[in-house]
Amino acid sequence: MIHQFRDNIISGKISATEIAQEYLEKAKKLNKKTNAFISFCDELALSAAMSIDQKVKAKKPLGKLAGVP
């Protein structure tokens, strides 16, 4: 499953930013029940995701875990 995130980002099926937003939303929703997180770093996560998306557009190499939430 992990390699699918990277493959889908590289192919353009989904962006790293979309994945980050989706998983932040899921984590926040689940956190209401579990209280597993002290805080969320939305800006940092989205900034990192946007950086990955820029690398994809520039056809620069990505790390093996690029885009994995």
Protein backbone atom coordinates (compact mmCIF):
# COMPACT_ATOMS: atom_id res chain seq x y z
CA MET A 1 0.00 0.00 0.00
CA ILE A 2 2.82 2.43 0.79
CA HIS A 3 4.25 2.22 -2.72
CA GLN A 4 0.79 3.03 -4.11
CA PHE A 5 0.85 6.49 -2.55
CA ARG A 6 4.13 7.33 -4.26
CA ASP A 7 3.10 5.74 -7.58
CA ASN A 8 -0.21 7.63 -7.61
CA ILE A 9 1.53 10.91 -6.85
CA ILE A 10 4.11 10.42 -9.59
CA SER A 11 1.43 9.42 -12.12
CA GLY A 12 -0.71 12.44 -11.21
CA LYS A 13 -3.72 10.42 -10.04
CA ILE A 14 -3.62 12.34 -6.76
CA SER A 15 -1.42 15.01 -5.27
CA ALA A 16 0.56 14.77 -2.05
CA THR A 17 -1.39 17.81 -0.85
CA GLU A 18 -4.71 16.02 -1.37
CA ILE A 19 -3.44 13.00 0.55
CA ALA A 20 -2.18 15.17 3.40
CA GLN A 21 -5.49 17.03 3.64
CA GLU A 22 -7.48 13.80 3.63
CA TYR A 23 -5.40 12.18 6.35
CA LEU A 24 -5.38 15.31 8.51
CA GLU A 25 -9.18 15.36 8.33
CA LYS A 26 -9.40 11.66 9.20
CA ALA A 27 -6.99 12.01 12.10
CA LYS A 28 -8.88 14.99 13.53
CA LYS A 29 -12.19 13.18 13.26
CA LEU A 30 -10.84 10.05 14.94
CA ASN A 31 -9.06 12.10 17.57
CA LYS A 32 -12.42 13.23 18.95
CA LYS A 33 -12.98 9.62 20.05
CA THR A 34 -9.43 8.50 20.81
CA ASN A 35 -7.72 11.67 21.99
CA ALA A 36 -4.51 10.16 20.59
CA PHE A 37 -2.99 13.44 19.37
CA ILE A 38 -1.94 16.42 21.44
CA SER A 39 -1.81 18.74 18.44
CA PHE A 40 -1.84 18.80 14.67
CA CYS A 41 0.78 20.49 12.49
CA ASP A 42 -1.40 21.22 9.48
CA GLU A 43 0.82 23.95 8.07
CA LEU A 44 3.96 21.82 8.28
CA ALA A 45 2.28 18.77 6.75
CA LEU A 46 0.73 20.75 3.92
CA SER A 47 3.98 22.61 3.25
CA ALA A 48 5.86 19.32 2.95
CA ALA A 49 3.15 17.92 0.67
CA MET A 50 3.28 21.01 -1.57
CA SER A 51 7.04 20.60 -1.81
CA ILE A 52 6.57 17.03 -3.03
CA ASP A 53 3.98 18.19 -5.58
CA GLN A 54 6.45 20.80 -6.89
CA LYS A 55 9.13 18.14 -7.27
CA VAL A 56 6.72 15.96 -9.22
CA LYS A 57 5.87 18.83 -11.57
CA ALA A 58 9.58 19.55 -12.05
CA LYS A 59 10.21 15.83 -12.65
CA LYS A 60 12.74 15.75 -9.82
CA PRO A 61 13.45 12.46 -8.02
CA LEU A 62 11.39 11.64 -4.95
CA GLY A 63 12.30 9.70 -1.86
CA LYS A 64 10.79 6.27 -1.38
CA LEU A 65 8.34 7.53 1.23
CA ALA A 66 7.37 10.75 -0.56
CA GLY A 67 3.71 11.49 0.05
CA VAL A 68 3.13 8.74 2.58
CA PRO A 69 1.06 10.15 5.42
